[in-house]
Amino acid sequence: MCRLDSTIYKFMETISRYELLILDDFGLTRLDQQQRMDLMEMVEDRHAKRSLIIASQLAVADWYDIIAENLVADAILDRLVHTSYRIKLTGESLRKKR
């Protein structure tokens, strides 16, 4: 929506100031070129400055397929993996009806 009304720069500036940004369900669809660049910008803006949580059902190695461009994936993952804590959850989904 921000691209349609030309407020993308203001939006990116605003989220760069949040202490914590959470990207939930990362990897549900493959990223297009603009989404790759937006993700790279978000990660770059936050790197070593602010917190970022990425929740995904995919292993990090599978993120290359989602990001869909190895050079950009390398840049993003380099900034994330070497300064992150990884928490792997196991067990049944809590969303299942009991």
C-alpha atoms as a PDB file:
ATOM      1  CA  MET A   1       0.000   0.000   0.000  1.00  0.00           C
ATOM      2  CA  CYS A   2       2.840   2.403   0.811  1.00  0.00           C
ATOM      3  CA  ARG A   3       4.186   2.067  -2.714  1.00  0.00           C
ATOM      4  CA  LEU A   4       0.823   3.006  -4.198  1.00  0.00           C
ATOM      5  CA  ASP A   5       0.539   6.256  -2.283  1.00  0.00           C
ATOM      6  CA  SER A   6       4.327   7.009  -2.274  1.00  0.00           C
ATOM      7  CA  THR A   7       4.738   6.839   1.505  1.00  0.00           C
ATOM      8  CA  ILE A   8       7.181   3.907   1.482  1.00  0.00           C
ATOM      9  CA  TYR A   9      10.149   6.031   2.592  1.00  0.00           C
ATOM     10  CA  LYS A  10       8.228   7.437   5.535  1.00  0.00           C
ATOM     11  CA  PHE A  11       7.052   3.921   6.445  1.00  0.00           C
ATOM     12  CA  MET A  12      10.598   2.483   6.308  1.00  0.00           C
ATOM     13  CA  GLU A  13      11.904   5.384   8.385  1.00  0.00           C
ATOM     14  CA  THR A  14       9.166   4.844  10.952  1.00  0.00           C
ATOM     15  CA  ILE A  15       9.761   1.109  11.395  1.00  0.00           C
ATOM     16  CA  SER A  16      13.527   1.635  11.567  1.00  0.00           C
ATOM     17  CA  ARG A  17      12.965   3.516  14.842  1.00  0.00           C
ATOM     18  CA  TYR A  18      11.025   0.718  16.567  1.00  0.00           C
ATOM     19  CA  GLU A  19      13.033  -1.049  19.253  1.00  0.00           C
ATOM     20  CA  LEU A  20      11.650  -4.408  18.105  1.00  0.00           C
ATOM     21  CA  LEU A  21      10.357  -5.507  14.713  1.00  0.00           C
ATOM     22  CA  ILE A  22       8.708  -8.918  14.366  1.00  0.00           C
ATOM     23  CA  LEU A  23       8.343 -10.632  10.995  1.00  0.00           C
ATOM     24  CA  ASP A  24       5.955 -13.517  11.519  1.00  0.00           C
ATOM     25  CA  ASP A  25       5.401 -16.455   9.149  1.00  0.00           C
ATOM     26  CA  PHE A  26       8.448 -15.588   7.054  1.00  0.00           C
ATOM     27  CA  GLY A  27       8.774 -17.745   3.974  1.00  0.00           C
ATOM     28  CA  LEU A  28       5.163 -18.448   3.103  1.00  0.00           C
ATOM     29  CA  THR A  29       5.800 -17.158  -0.420  1.00  0.00           C
ATOM     30  CA  ARG A  30       8.859 -16.430  -2.534  1.00  0.00           C
ATOM     31  CA  LEU A  31       9.972 -12.795  -2.460  1.00  0.00           C
ATOM     32  CA  ASP A  32       9.954 -10.675  -5.591  1.00  0.00           C
ATOM     33  CA  GLN A  33      12.739  -8.192  -6.397  1.00  0.00           C
ATOM     34  CA  GLN A  34      11.181  -5.274  -4.528  1.00  0.00           C
ATOM     35  CA  GLN A  35      10.398  -7.395  -1.472  1.00  0.00           C
ATOM     36  CA  ARG A  36      14.012  -8.644  -1.406  1.00  0.00           C
ATOM     37  CA  MET A  37      15.312  -5.072  -1.444  1.00  0.00           C
ATOM     38  CA  ASP A  38      12.834  -3.995   1.243  1.00  0.00           C
ATOM     39  CA  LEU A  39      13.849  -6.900   3.474  1.00  0.00           C
ATOM     40  CA  MET A  40      17.527  -6.121   2.903  1.00  0.00           C
ATOM     41  CA  GLU A  41      16.919  -2.491   3.854  1.00  0.00           C
ATOM     42  CA  MET A  42      15.037  -3.460   7.014  1.00  0.00           C
ATOM     43  CA  VAL A  43      17.747  -5.890   8.098  1.00  0.00           C
ATOM     44  CA  GLU A  44      20.508  -3.405   7.266  1.00  0.00           C
ATOM     45  CA  ASP A  45      18.790  -0.577   9.170  1.00  0.00           C
ATOM     46  CA  ARG A  46      18.421  -2.755  12.260  1.00  0.00           C
ATOM     47  CA  HIS A  47      21.769  -4.574  12.150  1.00  0.00           C
ATOM     48  CA  ALA A  48      23.561  -4.116  15.516  1.00  0.00           C
ATOM     49  CA  LYS A  49      21.175  -1.271  16.417  1.00  0.00           C
ATOM     50  CA  ARG A  50      17.700  -2.615  17.086  1.00  0.00           C
ATOM     51  CA  SER A  51      16.064  -5.994  17.643  1.00  0.00           C
ATOM     52  CA  LEU A  52      14.464  -8.146  14.977  1.00  0.00           C
ATOM     53  CA  ILE A  53      12.542 -11.377  15.446  1.00  0.00           C
ATOM     54  CA  ILE A  54      11.833 -13.547  12.428  1.00  0.00           C
ATOM     55  CA  ALA A  55       9.440 -16.451  12.922  1.00  0.00           C
ATOM     56  CA  SER A  56       9.427 -19.116  10.239  1.00  0.00           C
ATOM     57  CA  GLN A  57       8.564 -22.742   9.812  1.00  0.00           C
ATOM     58  CA  LEU A  58      11.481 -23.101   7.383  1.00  0.00           C
ATOM     59  CA  ALA A  59      15.063 -23.942   8.194  1.00  0.00           C
ATOM     60  CA  VAL A  60      17.435 -21.044   7.579  1.00  0.00           C
ATOM     61  CA  ALA A  61      19.074 -22.991   4.737  1.00  0.00           C
ATOM     62  CA  ASP A  62      15.713 -22.932   2.924  1.00  0.00           C
ATOM     63  CA  TRP A  63      15.552 -19.139   3.066  1.00  0.00           C
ATOM     64  CA  TYR A  64      17.707 -18.983  -0.067  1.00  0.00           C
ATOM     65  CA  ASP A  65      14.770 -20.378  -2.038  1.00  0.00           C
ATOM     66  CA  ILE A  66      12.396 -17.843  -0.504  1.00  0.00           C
ATOM     67  CA  ILE A  67      14.688 -14.859  -1.037  1.00  0.00           C
ATOM     68  CA  ALA A  68      15.307 -16.221  -4.552  1.00  0.00           C
ATOM     69  CA  GLU A  69      18.576 -14.420  -5.244  1.00  0.00           C
ATOM     70  CA  ASN A  70      21.704 -15.894  -3.687  1.00  0.00           C
ATOM     71  CA  LEU A  71      23.718 -12.671  -3.454  1.00  0.00           C
ATOM     72  CA  VAL A  72      20.947 -10.836  -1.624  1.00  0.00           C
ATOM     73  CA  ALA A  73      20.238 -13.910   0.531  1.00  0.00           C
ATOM     74  CA  ASP A  74      23.922 -14.071   1.499  1.00  0.00           C
ATOM     75  CA  ALA A  75      23.904 -10.402   2.499  1.00  0.00           C
ATOM     76  CA  ILE A  76      20.722 -10.734   4.554  1.00  0.00           C
ATOM     77  CA  LEU A  77      21.690 -13.994   6.238  1.00  0.00           C
ATOM     78  CA  ASP A  78      25.204 -12.770   6.984  1.00  0.00           C
ATOM     79  CA  ARG A  79      23.736  -9.906   8.979  1.00  0.00           C
ATOM     80  CA  LEU A  80      21.201 -12.129  10.726  1.00  0.00           C
ATOM     81  CA  VAL A  81      22.900 -15.432  11.454  1.00  0.00           C
ATOM     82  CA  HIS A  82      26.134 -14.212  13.009  1.00  0.00           C
ATOM     83  CA  THR A  83      24.464 -11.969  15.571  1.00  0.00           C
ATOM     84  CA  SER A  84      21.331 -13.942  16.348  1.00  0.00           C
ATOM     85  CA  TYR A  85      19.908 -16.350  18.843  1.00  0.00           C
ATOM     86  CA  ARG A  86      18.058 -19.231  17.257  1.00  0.00           C
ATOM     87  CA  ILE A  87      15.215 -20.901  19.075  1.00  0.00           C
ATOM     88  CA  LYS A  88      13.869 -24.078  17.546  1.00  0.00           C
ATOM     89  CA  LEU A  89      10.467 -25.102  18.789  1.00  0.00           C
ATOM     90  CA  THR A  90       9.403 -28.724  18.672  1.00  0.00           C
ATOM     91  CA  GLY A  91       6.230 -30.538  19.536  1.00  0.00           C
ATOM     92  CA  GLU A  92       2.654 -30.387  18.399  1.00  0.00           C
ATOM     93  CA  SER A  93       0.961 -27.186  17.357  1.00  0.00           C
ATOM     94  CA  LEU A  94      -0.882 -25.360  20.109  1.00  0.00           C
ATOM     95  CA  ARG A  95      -3.449 -24.306  17.520  1.00  0.00           C
ATOM     96  CA  LYS A  96      -4.858 -27.809  17.278  1.00  0.00           C
ATOM     97  CA  LYS A  97      -8.241 -28.202  18.860  1.00  0.00           C
ATOM     98  CA  ARG A  98      -8.171 -30.160  22.075  1.00  0.00           C
END
